[in-house]
C-alpha atoms as a PDB file:
ATOM      1  CA  MET A   1     -99.489 172.551  77.606  1.00  0.00           C
ATOM      2  CA  LYS A   2    -100.291 175.539  75.289  1.00  0.00           C
ATOM      3  CA  ARG A   3    -103.957 175.245  76.410  1.00  0.00           C
ATOM      4  CA  LEU A   4    -103.110 175.853  80.113  1.00  0.00           C
ATOM      5  CA  LEU A   5    -100.816 178.880  79.508  1.00  0.00           C
ATOM      6  CA  ALA A   6    -103.662 181.131  78.887  1.00  0.00           C
ATOM      7  CA  PRO A   7    -105.711 180.396  81.895  1.00  0.00           C
ATOM      8  CA  VAL A   8    -102.621 180.222  84.122  1.00  0.00           C
ATOM      9  CA  LEU A   9    -101.335 183.760  82.745  1.00  0.00           C
ATOM     10  CA  LEU A  10    -105.157 184.979  83.551  1.00  0.00           C
ATOM     11  CA  LEU A  11    -105.200 183.398  86.971  1.00  0.00           C
ATOM     12  CA  SER A  12    -101.898 185.152  87.716  1.00  0.00           C
ATOM     13  CA  VAL A  13    -103.179 188.679  86.699  1.00  0.00           C
ATOM     14  CA  LEU A  14    -106.398 188.323  88.562  1.00  0.00           C
ATOM     15  CA  LEU A  15    -104.468 187.210  91.788  1.00  0.00           C
ATOM     16  CA  ALA A  16    -101.949 189.925  91.439  1.00  0.00           C
ATOM     17  CA  ALA A  17    -104.985 192.638  91.108  1.00  0.00           C
ATOM     18  CA  CYS A  18    -106.467 191.062  94.197  1.00  0.00           C
ATOM     19  CA  GLY A  19    -103.374 192.011  96.191  1.00  0.00           C
ATOM     20  CA  ARG A  20    -103.666 195.958  95.429  1.00  0.00           C
ATOM     21  CA  ASP A  21    -105.653 198.242  97.676  1.00  0.00           C
ATOM     22  CA  GLY A  22    -106.984 199.935  94.375  1.00  0.00           C
ATOM     23  CA  ASP A  23    -106.228 203.629  95.873  1.00  0.00           C
ATOM     24  CA  ASP A  24    -103.285 204.845  94.198  1.00  0.00           C
ATOM     25  CA  SER A  25    -104.519 208.353  94.597  1.00  0.00           C
ATOM     26  CA  VAL A  26    -101.766 210.966  95.788  1.00  0.00           C
ATOM     27  CA  THR A  27    -103.273 213.934  97.494  1.00  0.00           C
ATOM     28  CA  ILE A  28    -101.818 217.434  96.211  1.00  0.00           C
ATOM     29  CA  TYR A  29    -101.193 220.109  98.488  1.00  0.00           C
ATOM     30  CA  GLN A  30    -101.142 223.769  97.116  1.00  0.00           C
ATOM     31  CA  GLN A  31    -101.568 226.374  99.712  1.00  0.00           C
ATOM     32  CA  SER A  32     -98.456 227.329 101.686  1.00  0.00           C
ATOM     33  CA  GLY A  33     -99.168 226.949 105.395  1.00  0.00           C
ATOM     34  CA  GLN A  34    -101.488 224.206 104.729  1.00  0.00           C
ATOM     35  CA  THR A  35    -100.579 221.283 107.278  1.00  0.00           C
ATOM     36  CA  ILE A  36     -99.980 217.617 105.434  1.00  0.00           C
ATOM     37  CA  THR A  37    -101.313 214.904 107.793  1.00  0.00           C
ATOM     38  CA  VAL A  38    -100.204 211.472 106.346  1.00  0.00           C
ATOM     39  CA  GLY A  39     -99.459 207.877 107.562  1.00  0.00           C
ATOM     40  CA  ALA A  40     -96.148 206.242 107.103  1.00  0.00           C
ATOM     41  CA  GLY A  41     -95.709 204.731 103.709  1.00  0.00           C
ATOM     42  CA  GLN A  42     -98.296 207.126 101.917  1.00  0.00           C
ATOM     43  CA  HIS A  43     -97.231 209.177  98.734  1.00  0.00           C
ATOM     44  CA  PHE A  44     -98.248 212.986  98.575  1.00  0.00           C
ATOM     45  CA  ALA A  45     -97.501 215.798  96.385  1.00  0.00           C
ATOM     46  CA  VAL A  46     -96.775 219.761  96.621  1.00  0.00           C
ATOM     47  CA  GLN A  47     -97.698 221.787  93.669  1.00  0.00           C
ATOM     48  CA  LEU A  48     -96.482 225.329  92.876  1.00  0.00           C
ATOM     49  CA  ASP A  49     -97.216 227.737  90.363  1.00  0.00           C
ATOM     50  CA  ALA A  50     -93.991 228.421  88.519  1.00  0.00           C
ATOM     51  CA  ASN A  51     -92.456 230.067  85.309  1.00  0.00           C
ATOM     52  CA  PRO A  52     -88.997 228.634  84.406  1.00  0.00           C
ATOM     53  CA  THR A  53     -88.868 231.163  81.481  1.00  0.00           C
ATOM     54  CA  THR A  54     -88.008 233.566  83.939  1.00  0.00           C
ATOM     55  CA  GLY A  55     -85.008 231.567  85.148  1.00  0.00           C
ATOM     56  CA  TYR A  56     -86.883 230.711  88.633  1.00  0.00           C
ATOM     57  CA  THR A  57     -87.515 227.422  89.936  1.00  0.00           C
ATOM     58  CA  TRP A  58     -88.775 226.081  93.152  1.00  0.00           C
ATOM     59  CA  GLN A  59     -86.290 224.321  95.168  1.00  0.00           C
ATOM     60  CA  LEU A  60     -86.311 222.860  98.846  1.00  0.00           C
ATOM     61  CA  THR A  61     -84.550 225.099 100.974  1.00  0.00           C
ATOM     62  CA  ALA A  62     -84.062 222.824 103.914  1.00  0.00           C
ATOM     63  CA  ASP A  63     -83.382 219.087 104.431  1.00  0.00           C
ATOM     64  CA  PRO A  64     -87.092 217.593 104.973  1.00  0.00           C
ATOM     65  CA  GLY A  65     -85.524 215.152 107.664  1.00  0.00           C
ATOM     66  CA  SER A  66     -86.045 211.427 108.211  1.00  0.00           C
ATOM     67  CA  GLN A  67     -89.864 211.871 108.085  1.00  0.00           C
ATOM     68  CA  VAL A  68     -90.222 212.432 104.406  1.00  0.00           C
ATOM     69  CA  LYS A  69     -88.503 210.994 101.257  1.00  0.00           C
ATOM     70  CA  VAL A  70     -88.360 213.042  98.168  1.00  0.00           C
ATOM     71  CA  LEU A  71     -89.638 210.806  95.210  1.00  0.00           C
ATOM     72  CA  GLY A  72     -89.395 213.288  92.363  1.00  0.00           C
ATOM     73  CA  HIS A  73     -89.582 216.790  90.990  1.00  0.00           C
ATOM     74  CA  THR A  74     -91.542 217.674  87.519  1.00  0.00           C
ATOM     75  CA  TYR A  75     -92.901 220.852  85.613  1.00  0.00           C
ATOM     76  CA  THR A  76     -95.944 220.944  83.573  1.00  0.00           C
ATOM     77  CA  PRO A  77     -96.549 224.088  81.450  1.00  0.00           C
ATOM     78  CA  THR A  78    -100.408 225.257  81.583  1.00  0.00           C
ATOM     79  CA  PRO A  79    -102.194 224.875  78.421  1.00  0.00           C
ATOM     80  CA  PRO A  80    -102.304 226.461  75.833  1.00  0.00           C
ATOM     81  CA  GLN A  81     -98.482 225.922  75.867  1.00  0.00           C
ATOM     82  CA  GLN A  82     -96.899 229.312  74.510  1.00  0.00           C
ATOM     83  CA  PRO A  83     -93.659 230.755  74.800  1.00  0.00           C
ATOM     84  CA  GLY A  84     -93.321 232.453  78.126  1.00  0.00           C
ATOM     85  CA  SER A  85     -96.342 231.025  79.417  1.00  0.00           C
ATOM     86  CA  GLY A  86     -96.136 229.557  83.272  1.00  0.00           C
ATOM     87  CA  GLY A  87     -97.092 226.248  84.551  1.00  0.00           C
ATOM     88  CA  ALA A  88     -96.760 224.233  87.969  1.00  0.00           C
ATOM     89  CA  GLU A  89     -94.025 222.539  89.557  1.00  0.00           C
ATOM     90  CA  LEU A  90     -94.923 219.214  91.373  1.00  0.00           C
ATOM     91  CA  PHE A  91     -92.728 217.690  94.057  1.00  0.00           C
ATOM     92  CA  THR A  92     -93.750 214.081  94.984  1.00  0.00           C
ATOM     93  CA  PHE A  93     -92.962 212.597  98.560  1.00  0.00           C
ATOM     94  CA  GLN A  94     -93.304 209.647 100.464  1.00  0.00           C
ATOM     95  CA  ALA A  95     -94.043 209.698 104.390  1.00  0.00           C
ATOM     96  CA  VAL A  96     -91.315 207.604 105.966  1.00  0.00           C
ATOM     97  CA  ALA A  97     -91.367 207.540 109.537  1.00  0.00           C
ATOM     98  CA  ALA A  98     -93.522 208.985 112.255  1.00  0.00           C
ATOM     99  CA  GLY A  99     -92.761 212.625 113.557  1.00  0.00           C
ATOM    100  CA  THR A 100     -93.068 216.262 112.219  1.00  0.00           C
ATOM    101  CA  THR A 101     -91.092 218.381 109.729  1.00  0.00           C
ATOM    102  CA  THR A 102     -91.597 221.322 107.532  1.00  0.00           C
ATOM    103  CA  LEU A 103     -91.078 221.342 103.783  1.00  0.00           C
ATOM    104  CA  ALA A 104     -89.679 224.664 102.932  1.00  0.00           C
ATOM    105  CA  PHE A 105     -89.354 225.885  99.315  1.00  0.00           C
ATOM    106  CA  GLY A 106     -87.955 228.825  97.496  1.00  0.00           C
ATOM    107  CA  TYR A 107     -88.642 230.388  94.254  1.00  0.00           C
ATOM    108  CA  LEU A 108     -85.108 231.356  93.092  1.00  0.00           C
ATOM    109  CA  ARG A 109     -82.664 231.289  90.312  1.00  0.00           C
ATOM    110  CA  PRO A 110     -80.057 228.590  90.953  1.00  0.00           C
ATOM    111  CA  TRP A 111     -77.062 230.705  89.781  1.00  0.00           C
ATOM    112  CA  GLU A 112     -77.684 233.485  91.968  1.00  0.00           C
ATOM    113  CA  THR A 113     -75.904 232.991  95.379  1.00  0.00           C
ATOM    114  CA  GLY A 114     -76.653 235.418  98.442  1.00  0.00           C
ATOM    115  CA  VAL A 115     -79.924 236.308  97.021  1.00  0.00           C
ATOM    116  CA  ALA A 116     -83.282 235.765  98.914  1.00  0.00           C
ATOM    117  CA  PRO A 117     -86.073 233.789  97.244  1.00  0.00           C
ATOM    118  CA  ALA A 118     -88.432 235.795  95.251  1.00  0.00           C
ATOM    119  CA  GLN A 119     -91.046 233.826  97.062  1.00  0.00           C
ATOM    120  CA  THR A 120     -91.123 231.289  99.669  1.00  0.00           C
ATOM    121  CA  ALA A 121     -93.641 228.591 100.649  1.00  0.00           C
ATOM    122  CA  ALA A 122     -93.891 226.179 103.641  1.00  0.00           C
ATOM    123  CA  PHE A 123     -95.850 223.179 104.450  1.00  0.00           C
ATOM    124  CA  PRO A 124     -95.814 221.605 107.910  1.00  0.00           C
ATOM    125  CA  VAL A 125     -95.840 217.939 107.752  1.00  0.00           C
ATOM    126  CA  LYS A 126     -97.115 215.334 110.402  1.00  0.00           C
ATOM    127  CA  VAL A 127     -96.532 211.706 109.739  1.00  0.00           C
ATOM    128  CA  SER A 128     -98.393 208.973 111.854  1.00  0.00           C
END
């Protein structure tokens, strides 16, 4: 029985690998105004320069609608990491349903209410 375990495990791993498309890449968009064209089910990301030491962070300022699902949001400092240096915020999404929407972002301090964002960015999205 022990002799069969290793070959069965190896076969299972090989079969699982055959079922993957091999393309786990995610396109990252960085220029406000850039149109994002994706197919339903595809993942994509928006990256915006940021410096949270100033208190400002990028936030979605409008509901992206039913065409797009927000998967996550992370911040990565730019090397070398020094106090007060900036980095980039990365928002990841999945296209869900055909249609169009706009991803609207504001660079703001979350505790300030009634204050316009210091910067804005918008990305039109077309999901097919």
